[in-house]
């Protein structure tokens, strides 16, 4: 699992958590997939909170899932 911290100028912390649920997916592959999802922007909405696309399927069959936001400053993803 990765924990990437981005610190904004006003010292408010944001987190991106990535869980890899498939041993054949490398750390780099997971980062690249999540990078593509993040580039697409926050296009889904759950309980009036914008978030990244819930499920993305790539041509090679790899999928990403954006978990429901429990904390406004944390985005969590699963790659499988």
N, C-alpha and C. Protein backbone atom coordinates (compact mmCIF):
# COMPACT_ATOMS: atom_id res chain seq x y z
N UNK A 1 0.83 -1.16 0.00
CA UNK A 1 0.00 0.00 0.00
C UNK A 1 0.89 1.23 0.00
N UNK A 2 0.46 2.26 -0.72
CA UNK A 2 1.18 3.52 -0.79
C UNK A 2 0.43 4.57 -0.01
N UNK A 3 1.13 5.50 0.56
CA UNK A 3 0.52 6.68 1.14
C UNK A 3 1.29 7.87 0.59
N UNK A 4 0.63 8.67 -0.21
CA UNK A 4 1.25 9.83 -0.83
C UNK A 4 0.68 11.07 -0.16
N UNK A 5 1.53 11.90 0.39
CA UNK A 5 1.06 13.11 1.04
C UNK A 5 1.41 14.32 0.19
N UNK A 6 0.42 15.15 0.01
CA UNK A 6 0.62 16.42 -0.68
C UNK A 6 0.27 17.50 0.33
N UNK A 7 1.19 18.40 0.59
CA UNK A 7 0.95 19.45 1.57
C UNK A 7 0.74 20.77 0.84
N UNK A 8 -0.42 21.36 1.05
CA UNK A 8 -0.74 22.64 0.43
C UNK A 8 -0.05 23.77 1.19
N UNK A 9 0.01 24.91 0.57
CA UNK A 9 0.68 26.07 1.19
C UNK A 9 0.07 26.45 2.52
N UNK A 10 -1.25 26.29 2.69
CA UNK A 10 -1.87 26.68 3.95
C UNK A 10 -1.75 25.58 5.00
N UNK A 11 -0.89 24.61 4.75
CA UNK A 11 -0.56 23.53 5.68
C UNK A 11 -1.69 22.53 5.90
N UNK A 12 -2.73 22.54 5.06
CA UNK A 12 -3.77 21.53 5.13
C UNK A 12 -3.29 20.30 4.38
N UNK A 13 -3.33 19.16 5.01
CA UNK A 13 -2.80 17.94 4.40
C UNK A 13 -3.87 17.21 3.61
N UNK A 14 -3.47 16.68 2.47
CA UNK A 14 -4.31 15.82 1.65
C UNK A 14 -3.59 14.49 1.48
N UNK A 15 -4.35 13.42 1.34
CA UNK A 15 -3.75 12.10 1.18
C UNK A 15 -4.38 11.36 0.02
N UNK A 16 -3.56 10.57 -0.64
CA UNK A 16 -4.03 9.62 -1.64
C UNK A 16 -3.54 8.26 -1.18
N UNK A 17 -4.47 7.33 -0.98
CA UNK A 17 -4.14 5.99 -0.54
C UNK A 17 -4.43 5.02 -1.68
N UNK A 18 -3.46 4.19 -2.03
CA UNK A 18 -3.62 3.21 -3.11
C UNK A 18 -3.41 1.82 -2.54
N UNK A 19 -4.40 0.96 -2.73
CA UNK A 19 -4.31 -0.44 -2.35
C UNK A 19 -4.23 -1.28 -3.62
N UNK A 20 -3.25 -2.16 -3.70
CA UNK A 20 -3.07 -3.02 -4.87
C UNK A 20 -3.55 -4.42 -4.49
N UNK A 21 -4.61 -4.88 -5.15
CA UNK A 21 -5.21 -6.17 -4.82
C UNK A 21 -4.89 -7.27 -5.82
N UNK A 22 -3.77 -7.14 -6.52
CA UNK A 22 -3.39 -8.15 -7.50
C UNK A 22 -1.86 -8.19 -7.54
N UNK A 23 -1.28 -9.34 -7.21
CA UNK A 23 0.18 -9.45 -7.14
C UNK A 23 0.87 -9.24 -8.48
N UNK A 24 0.15 -9.35 -9.59
CA UNK A 24 0.78 -9.17 -10.90
C UNK A 24 0.89 -7.69 -11.29
N UNK A 25 0.27 -6.81 -10.53
CA UNK A 25 0.34 -5.37 -10.80
C UNK A 25 1.50 -4.79 -10.00
N UNK A 26 2.43 -4.16 -10.71
CA UNK A 26 3.58 -3.56 -10.04
C UNK A 26 3.18 -2.23 -9.39
N UNK A 27 4.02 -1.78 -8.50
CA UNK A 27 3.78 -0.48 -7.86
C UNK A 27 3.68 0.63 -8.90
N UNK A 28 4.61 0.59 -9.86
CA UNK A 28 4.62 1.61 -10.92
C UNK A 28 3.35 1.55 -11.76
N UNK A 29 2.90 0.33 -12.12
CA UNK A 29 1.66 0.19 -12.89
C UNK A 29 0.49 0.81 -12.13
N UNK A 30 0.41 0.54 -10.84
CA UNK A 30 -0.69 1.09 -10.03
C UNK A 30 -0.63 2.62 -10.01
N UNK A 31 0.54 3.16 -9.82
CA UNK A 31 0.69 4.62 -9.82
C UNK A 31 0.28 5.23 -11.15
N UNK A 32 0.66 4.58 -12.25
CA UNK A 32 0.31 5.08 -13.58
C UNK A 32 -1.21 5.05 -13.79
N UNK A 33 -1.87 3.98 -13.33
CA UNK A 33 -3.33 3.87 -13.49
C UNK A 33 -4.03 4.97 -12.69
N UNK A 34 -3.62 5.13 -11.44
CA UNK A 34 -4.25 6.15 -10.60
C UNK A 34 -3.97 7.54 -11.15
N UNK A 35 -2.78 7.73 -11.70
CA UNK A 35 -2.45 9.01 -12.32
C UNK A 35 -3.43 9.34 -13.45
N UNK A 36 -3.77 8.35 -14.26
CA UNK A 36 -4.74 8.56 -15.35
C UNK A 36 -6.11 8.93 -14.80
N UNK A 37 -6.54 8.26 -13.75
CA UNK A 37 -7.84 8.56 -13.14
C UNK A 37 -7.84 9.99 -12.59
N UNK A 38 -6.78 10.36 -11.90
CA UNK A 38 -6.69 11.70 -11.32
C UNK A 38 -6.66 12.76 -12.42
N UNK A 39 -5.96 12.49 -13.51
CA UNK A 39 -5.94 13.44 -14.64
C UNK A 39 -7.33 13.70 -15.18
N UNK A 40 -8.20 12.68 -15.11
CA UNK A 40 -9.57 12.83 -15.59
C UNK A 40 -10.42 13.75 -14.73
N UNK A 41 -9.96 14.02 -13.54
CA UNK A 41 -10.68 14.93 -12.66
C UNK A 41 -11.75 14.24 -11.83
N UNK A 42 -12.38 15.02 -10.99
CA UNK A 42 -13.44 14.51 -10.12
C UNK A 42 -14.76 14.56 -10.89
N UNK A 43 -15.14 13.42 -11.43
CA UNK A 43 -16.29 13.34 -12.33
C UNK A 43 -17.49 12.62 -11.73
N UNK A 44 -17.33 12.01 -10.57
CA UNK A 44 -18.42 11.30 -9.90
C UNK A 44 -18.86 12.09 -8.68
N UNK A 45 -20.06 11.77 -8.21
CA UNK A 45 -20.58 12.45 -7.03
C UNK A 45 -21.28 11.43 -6.15
N UNK A 46 -21.01 11.49 -4.86
CA UNK A 46 -21.65 10.62 -3.88
C UNK A 46 -21.97 11.45 -2.66
N UNK A 47 -23.23 11.50 -2.29
CA UNK A 47 -23.68 12.32 -1.16
C UNK A 47 -23.19 13.76 -1.29
N UNK A 48 -23.35 14.32 -2.48
CA UNK A 48 -22.98 15.70 -2.79
C UNK A 48 -21.49 16.01 -2.65
N UNK A 49 -20.65 14.98 -2.63
CA UNK A 49 -19.20 15.16 -2.58
C UNK A 49 -18.61 14.69 -3.90
N UNK A 50 -17.91 15.59 -4.58
CA UNK A 50 -17.26 15.21 -5.84
C UNK A 50 -16.06 14.33 -5.57
N UNK A 51 -15.89 13.33 -6.43
CA UNK A 51 -14.72 12.47 -6.30
C UNK A 51 -14.34 11.92 -7.67
N UNK A 52 -13.23 11.20 -7.69
CA UNK A 52 -12.74 10.64 -8.94
C UNK A 52 -13.65 9.52 -9.41
N UNK A 53 -13.54 9.18 -10.68
CA UNK A 53 -14.40 8.16 -11.29
C UNK A 53 -14.46 6.91 -10.42
N UNK A 54 -15.67 6.44 -10.11
CA UNK A 54 -15.84 5.30 -9.21
C UNK A 54 -15.09 4.06 -9.70
N UNK A 55 -15.30 3.69 -10.97
CA UNK A 55 -14.63 2.51 -11.52
C UNK A 55 -14.10 2.85 -12.91
N UNK A 56 -12.84 2.53 -13.14
CA UNK A 56 -12.22 2.71 -14.45
C UNK A 56 -11.64 1.38 -14.87
N UNK A 57 -11.93 0.96 -16.11
CA UNK A 57 -11.39 -0.27 -16.66
C UNK A 57 -10.46 0.08 -17.81
N UNK A 58 -9.23 -0.41 -17.75
CA UNK A 58 -8.24 -0.14 -18.79
C UNK A 58 -8.26 -1.26 -19.84
N UNK A 59 -7.68 -1.00 -21.00
CA UNK A 59 -7.70 -1.96 -22.11
C UNK A 59 -7.13 -3.32 -21.75
N UNK A 60 -6.15 -3.35 -20.85
CA UNK A 60 -5.53 -4.63 -20.47
C UNK A 60 -6.33 -5.37 -19.39
N UNK A 61 -7.47 -4.82 -18.99
CA UNK A 61 -8.32 -5.46 -17.99
C UNK A 61 -8.10 -4.98 -16.57
N UNK A 62 -7.06 -4.19 -16.34
CA UNK A 62 -6.81 -3.62 -15.02
C UNK A 62 -7.95 -2.67 -14.67
N UNK A 63 -8.38 -2.71 -13.42
CA UNK A 63 -9.47 -1.84 -12.98
C UNK A 63 -9.03 -1.02 -11.78
N UNK A 64 -9.62 0.17 -11.65
CA UNK A 64 -9.41 0.99 -10.45
C UNK A 64 -10.78 1.31 -9.88
N UNK A 65 -10.81 1.43 -8.58
CA UNK A 65 -12.03 1.77 -7.87
C UNK A 65 -11.72 2.90 -6.89
N UNK A 66 -12.49 3.97 -6.97
CA UNK A 66 -12.33 5.07 -6.02
C UNK A 66 -13.32 4.83 -4.89
N UNK A 67 -12.79 4.62 -3.70
CA UNK A 67 -13.65 4.35 -2.55
C UNK A 67 -14.41 5.61 -2.13
N UNK A 68 -15.53 5.40 -1.45
CA UNK A 68 -16.31 6.52 -0.93
C UNK A 68 -15.44 7.38 -0.03
N UNK A 69 -15.59 8.68 -0.15
CA UNK A 69 -14.80 9.60 0.66
C UNK A 69 -15.35 9.66 2.08
N UNK A 70 -14.54 9.24 3.02
CA UNK A 70 -14.91 9.35 4.43
C UNK A 70 -14.28 10.59 5.05
N UNK A 71 -13.27 11.10 4.38
CA UNK A 71 -12.57 12.30 4.85
C UNK A 71 -12.39 13.20 3.63
N UNK A 72 -12.77 14.44 3.73
CA UNK A 72 -12.72 15.36 2.60
C UNK A 72 -11.32 15.52 2.03
N UNK A 73 -10.29 15.29 2.83
CA UNK A 73 -8.90 15.47 2.38
C UNK A 73 -8.21 14.18 1.98
N UNK A 74 -8.94 13.06 1.92
CA UNK A 74 -8.34 11.79 1.58
C UNK A 74 -9.08 11.13 0.43
N UNK A 75 -8.33 10.71 -0.59
CA UNK A 75 -8.87 9.92 -1.69
C UNK A 75 -8.24 8.54 -1.62
N UNK A 76 -9.07 7.50 -1.66
CA UNK A 76 -8.57 6.12 -1.58
C UNK A 76 -8.94 5.36 -2.84
N UNK A 77 -7.99 4.60 -3.35
CA UNK A 77 -8.19 3.83 -4.57
C UNK A 77 -7.79 2.38 -4.36
N UNK A 78 -8.44 1.48 -5.10
CA UNK A 78 -8.05 0.09 -5.17
C UNK A 78 -7.74 -0.21 -6.63
N UNK A 79 -6.62 -0.90 -6.87
CA UNK A 79 -6.24 -1.32 -8.22
C UNK A 79 -6.23 -2.83 -8.24
N UNK A 80 -6.89 -3.44 -9.24
CA UNK A 80 -6.86 -4.89 -9.38
C UNK A 80 -6.95 -5.30 -10.81
